[in-house]
Amino acid sequence: MSSHTKTASEPGQKFVTKKTPKRLRTSIRHDSIAAADYLKYKLPYACEDCSHFNYVESNCTLGYISHHHQRETQKKSYELSGKMALCRFLEID
């Protein structure tokens, strides 16, 4: 598969080569968690479990976007795919 496409606006014109735009990937990685571990252990996986979470403003004190790591989003993600977006800066009190 070529990363270039050729187009011509009128008959008899030369083809103009255009690059295909790069595919965008999500920057948040989702880690697989075994169902047995999820049910057996109390895993700290949400912003609400972290000491960097500001409950009043519902955001991260380090400045990270916390929506993807909050409990409701994490539970929904796990139920749909068996994966969670674990924060690498999670700090437990």
N, C-alpha and C. Protein backbone atom coordinates (compact mmCIF):
# COMPACT_ATOMS: atom_id res chain seq x y z
N MET A 1 0.83 -1.16 0.00
CA MET A 1 0.00 0.00 0.00
C MET A 1 0.89 1.23 0.00
N SER A 2 0.63 2.15 -0.87
CA SER A 2 1.43 3.34 -1.00
C SER A 2 0.95 4.43 -0.06
N SER A 3 1.88 5.24 0.42
CA SER A 3 1.50 6.33 1.30
C SER A 3 1.21 7.60 0.49
N HIS A 4 1.21 7.48 -0.83
CA HIS A 4 0.93 8.62 -1.68
C HIS A 4 -0.30 8.33 -2.53
N THR A 5 -1.05 9.38 -2.84
CA THR A 5 -2.17 9.25 -3.76
C THR A 5 -1.95 10.20 -4.91
N LYS A 6 -2.42 9.84 -6.08
CA LYS A 6 -2.26 10.69 -7.25
C LYS A 6 -3.62 11.20 -7.67
N THR A 7 -3.69 12.51 -7.93
CA THR A 7 -4.93 13.11 -8.38
C THR A 7 -4.64 14.07 -9.53
N ALA A 8 -5.60 14.23 -10.40
CA ALA A 8 -5.52 15.20 -11.49
C ALA A 8 -6.85 15.93 -11.54
N SER A 9 -6.80 17.26 -11.57
CA SER A 9 -8.04 18.02 -11.53
C SER A 9 -8.71 18.09 -12.91
N GLU A 10 -7.96 18.08 -13.99
CA GLU A 10 -8.54 18.13 -15.34
C GLU A 10 -7.85 17.11 -16.23
N PRO A 11 -8.56 16.62 -17.27
CA PRO A 11 -7.91 15.68 -18.20
C PRO A 11 -6.71 16.33 -18.88
N GLY A 12 -5.66 15.61 -19.03
CA GLY A 12 -4.46 16.10 -19.69
C GLY A 12 -3.46 16.74 -18.75
N GLN A 13 -3.85 16.97 -17.52
CA GLN A 13 -2.91 17.54 -16.55
C GLN A 13 -2.06 16.46 -15.93
N LYS A 14 -0.92 16.85 -15.43
CA LYS A 14 -0.05 15.90 -14.75
C LYS A 14 -0.64 15.58 -13.38
N PHE A 15 -0.30 14.40 -12.90
CA PHE A 15 -0.78 13.98 -11.59
C PHE A 15 -0.01 14.70 -10.49
N VAL A 16 -0.71 15.10 -9.48
CA VAL A 16 -0.11 15.73 -8.30
C VAL A 16 -0.10 14.70 -7.19
N THR A 17 1.05 14.52 -6.59
CA THR A 17 1.18 13.53 -5.53
C THR A 17 0.90 14.18 -4.18
N LYS A 18 -0.02 13.57 -3.41
CA LYS A 18 -0.34 14.04 -2.07
C LYS A 18 -0.02 12.94 -1.07
N LYS A 19 0.55 13.33 0.03
CA LYS A 19 0.85 12.35 1.08
C LYS A 19 -0.41 12.05 1.89
N THR A 20 -0.54 10.81 2.26
CA THR A 20 -1.63 10.41 3.15
C THR A 20 -1.27 10.87 4.56
N PRO A 21 -2.21 11.49 5.27
CA PRO A 21 -1.86 11.94 6.63
C PRO A 21 -1.56 10.77 7.56
N LYS A 22 -0.68 11.02 8.54
CA LYS A 22 -0.34 9.99 9.50
C LYS A 22 -1.55 9.63 10.33
N ARG A 23 -1.62 8.37 10.73
CA ARG A 23 -2.70 7.93 11.60
C ARG A 23 -2.44 8.44 13.01
N LEU A 24 -3.49 8.90 13.63
CA LEU A 24 -3.36 9.37 15.00
C LEU A 24 -3.62 8.22 15.95
N ARG A 25 -2.78 8.07 16.93
CA ARG A 25 -2.97 7.05 17.96
C ARG A 25 -3.20 7.74 19.28
N THR A 26 -3.93 7.09 20.15
CA THR A 26 -4.15 7.67 21.46
C THR A 26 -2.85 7.67 22.25
N SER A 27 -2.65 8.70 23.03
CA SER A 27 -1.43 8.78 23.81
C SER A 27 -1.55 8.03 25.14
N ILE A 28 -2.78 7.67 25.50
CA ILE A 28 -2.99 6.95 26.75
C ILE A 28 -2.95 5.46 26.47
N ARG A 29 -2.08 4.77 27.17
CA ARG A 29 -1.98 3.32 27.00
C ARG A 29 -2.90 2.63 28.00
N HIS A 30 -3.55 1.59 27.52
CA HIS A 30 -4.44 0.80 28.37
C HIS A 30 -3.76 -0.53 28.67
N ASP A 31 -3.70 -0.85 29.95
CA ASP A 31 -3.06 -2.09 30.40
C ASP A 31 -4.11 -3.15 30.69
N SER A 32 -3.81 -4.39 30.30
CA SER A 32 -4.72 -5.50 30.59
C SER A 32 -4.61 -5.88 32.06
N ILE A 33 -5.75 -6.18 32.66
CA ILE A 33 -5.79 -6.63 34.05
C ILE A 33 -6.61 -7.90 34.09
N ALA A 34 -6.04 -8.95 34.68
CA ALA A 34 -6.74 -10.23 34.76
C ALA A 34 -7.99 -10.07 35.61
N ALA A 35 -9.07 -10.70 35.18
CA ALA A 35 -10.35 -10.59 35.89
C ALA A 35 -10.24 -11.11 37.31
N ALA A 36 -9.47 -12.18 37.50
CA ALA A 36 -9.29 -12.75 38.85
C ALA A 36 -8.61 -11.74 39.78
N ASP A 37 -7.61 -11.02 39.27
CA ASP A 37 -6.92 -10.01 40.07
C ASP A 37 -7.83 -8.83 40.37
N TYR A 38 -8.62 -8.44 39.39
CA TYR A 38 -9.55 -7.31 39.56
C TYR A 38 -10.58 -7.62 40.66
N LEU A 39 -11.05 -8.84 40.69
CA LEU A 39 -12.06 -9.22 41.67
C LEU A 39 -11.46 -9.53 43.05
N LYS A 40 -10.24 -10.07 43.08
CA LYS A 40 -9.64 -10.53 44.34
C LYS A 40 -8.98 -9.40 45.14
N TYR A 41 -8.29 -8.49 44.45
CA TYR A 41 -7.52 -7.45 45.13
C TYR A 41 -8.19 -6.08 45.02
N LYS A 42 -7.90 -5.22 45.98
CA LYS A 42 -8.35 -3.83 45.89
C LYS A 42 -7.23 -3.05 45.21
N LEU A 43 -7.29 -2.99 43.91
CA LEU A 43 -6.25 -2.33 43.13
C LEU A 43 -6.47 -0.81 43.12
N PRO A 44 -5.44 -0.02 43.40
CA PRO A 44 -5.56 1.43 43.24
C PRO A 44 -5.38 1.78 41.77
N TYR A 45 -6.45 2.14 41.11
CA TYR A 45 -6.38 2.38 39.67
C TYR A 45 -6.99 3.71 39.25
N ALA A 46 -7.65 4.41 40.15
CA ALA A 46 -8.37 5.62 39.78
C ALA A 46 -7.76 6.85 40.44
N CYS A 47 -8.06 8.00 39.88
CA CYS A 47 -7.58 9.26 40.45
C CYS A 47 -8.03 9.43 41.89
N GLU A 48 -9.22 8.94 42.18
CA GLU A 48 -9.75 9.08 43.52
C GLU A 48 -8.92 8.32 44.56
N ASP A 49 -8.06 7.40 44.13
CA ASP A 49 -7.18 6.65 45.02
C ASP A 49 -5.82 7.34 45.23
N CYS A 50 -5.58 8.40 44.49
CA CYS A 50 -4.26 9.03 44.45
C CYS A 50 -4.19 10.26 45.35
N SER A 51 -3.01 10.51 45.93
CA SER A 51 -2.84 11.68 46.78
C SER A 51 -2.70 12.97 45.97
N HIS A 52 -2.51 12.87 44.65
CA HIS A 52 -2.41 14.05 43.79
C HIS A 52 -3.76 14.51 43.26
N PHE A 53 -4.84 13.87 43.69
CA PHE A 53 -6.17 14.22 43.19
C PHE A 53 -6.82 15.27 44.08
N ASN A 54 -7.32 16.34 43.45
CA ASN A 54 -8.00 17.42 44.16
C ASN A 54 -9.50 17.15 44.08
N TYR A 55 -10.10 16.75 45.19
CA TYR A 55 -11.53 16.40 45.20
C TYR A 55 -12.43 17.61 44.98
N VAL A 56 -12.02 18.77 45.44
CA VAL A 56 -12.85 19.97 45.31
C VAL A 56 -13.04 20.34 43.84
N GLU A 57 -11.95 20.37 43.08
CA GLU A 57 -12.02 20.75 41.67
C GLU A 57 -12.08 19.55 40.74
N SER A 58 -11.99 18.36 41.28
CA SER A 58 -12.03 17.11 40.51
C SER A 58 -10.98 17.07 39.40
N ASN A 59 -9.73 17.38 39.79
CA ASN A 59 -8.64 17.34 38.80
C ASN A 59 -7.33 16.92 39.48
N CYS A 60 -6.30 16.76 38.68
CA CYS A 60 -4.98 16.33 39.16
C CYS A 60 -4.16 17.55 39.56
N THR A 61 -3.53 17.48 40.74
CA THR A 61 -2.71 18.61 41.19
C THR A 61 -1.39 18.72 40.42
N LEU A 62 -1.03 17.67 39.69
CA LEU A 62 0.17 17.71 38.86
C LEU A 62 -0.11 18.34 37.49
N GLY A 63 -1.39 18.57 37.19
CA GLY A 63 -1.75 19.22 35.94
C GLY A 63 -2.16 18.28 34.83
N TYR A 64 -2.23 16.99 35.09
CA TYR A 64 -2.61 16.03 34.06
C TYR A 64 -4.13 15.99 33.89
N ILE A 65 -4.58 15.64 32.71
CA ILE A 65 -6.01 15.50 32.45
C ILE A 65 -6.46 14.23 33.16
N SER A 66 -7.41 14.36 34.07
CA SER A 66 -7.76 13.23 34.90
C SER A 66 -9.00 12.47 34.44
N HIS A 67 -9.69 12.96 33.44
CA HIS A 67 -10.94 12.32 33.02
C HIS A 67 -10.76 10.85 32.68
N HIS A 68 -9.70 10.51 31.98
CA HIS A 68 -9.48 9.12 31.54
C HIS A 68 -9.12 8.18 32.69
N HIS A 69 -8.71 8.74 33.82
CA HIS A 69 -8.26 7.93 34.94
C HIS A 69 -9.23 7.92 36.12
N GLN A 70 -10.33 8.64 36.01
CA GLN A 70 -11.29 8.67 37.11
C GLN A 70 -12.09 7.37 37.16
N ARG A 71 -12.61 7.05 38.33
CA ARG A 71 -13.19 5.75 38.62
C ARG A 71 -14.29 5.32 37.63
N GLU A 72 -15.23 6.19 37.33
CA GLU A 72 -16.33 5.82 36.43
C GLU A 72 -15.82 5.47 35.03
N THR A 73 -14.89 6.26 34.51
CA THR A 73 -14.32 6.00 33.19
C THR A 73 -13.53 4.71 33.19
N GLN A 74 -12.77 4.47 34.27
CA GLN A 74 -11.97 3.26 34.38
C GLN A 74 -12.85 2.01 34.42
N LYS A 75 -13.92 2.05 35.22
CA LYS A 75 -14.82 0.90 35.30
C LYS A 75 -15.46 0.60 33.96
N LYS A 76 -15.90 1.64 33.27
CA LYS A 76 -16.52 1.46 31.95
C LYS A 76 -15.52 0.86 30.96
N SER A 77 -14.31 1.37 30.97
CA SER A 77 -13.28 0.85 30.08
C SER A 77 -12.98 -0.62 30.38
N TYR A 78 -12.89 -0.97 31.66
CA TYR A 78 -12.59 -2.35 32.02
C TYR A 78 -13.72 -3.30 31.64
N GLU A 79 -14.94 -2.86 31.85
CA GLU A 79 -16.08 -3.70 31.49
C GLU A 79 -16.19 -3.93 29.99
N LEU A 80 -15.79 -2.96 29.19
CA LEU A 80 -15.87 -3.09 27.73
C LEU A 80 -14.69 -3.85 27.14
N SER A 81 -13.48 -3.64 27.70
CA SER A 81 -12.30 -4.21 27.04
C SER A 81 -11.40 -5.05 27.93
N GLY A 82 -11.59 -5.02 29.24
CA GLY A 82 -10.69 -5.73 30.14
C GLY A 82 -9.38 -5.00 30.35
N LYS A 83 -9.35 -3.71 29.98
CA LYS A 83 -8.14 -2.90 30.11
C LYS A 83 -8.46 -1.60 30.81
N MET A 84 -7.44 -1.04 31.45
CA MET A 84 -7.56 0.25 32.12
C MET A 84 -6.39 1.13 31.77
N ALA A 85 -6.63 2.44 31.83
CA ALA A 85 -5.57 3.42 31.59
C ALA A 85 -4.94 3.77 32.93
N LEU A 86 -3.93 3.01 33.32
CA LEU A 86 -3.30 3.22 34.62
C LEU A 86 -2.35 4.42 34.56
N CYS A 87 -2.49 5.30 35.53
CA CYS A 87 -1.64 6.48 35.60
C CYS A 87 -0.26 6.08 36.13
N ARG A 88 0.77 6.56 35.50
CA ARG A 88 2.14 6.22 35.92
C ARG A 88 2.58 7.05 37.12
N PHE A 89 1.79 8.06 37.49
CA PHE A 89 2.13 8.92 38.62
C PHE A 89 1.23 8.68 39.82
N LEU A 90 0.50 7.58 39.83
CA LEU A 90 -0.40 7.27 40.93
C LEU A 90 0.39 7.12 42.22
N GLU A 91 0.02 7.88 43.22
CA GLU A 91 0.70 7.84 44.50
C GLU A 91 -0.34 7.60 45.59
N ILE A 92 -0.15 6.53 46.33
CA ILE A 92 -1.11 6.12 47.34
C ILE A 92 -0.71 6.69 48.69
N ASP A 93 -1.69 7.19 49.42
CA ASP A 93 -1.43 7.73 50.77
C ASP A 93 -1.11 6.61 51.73
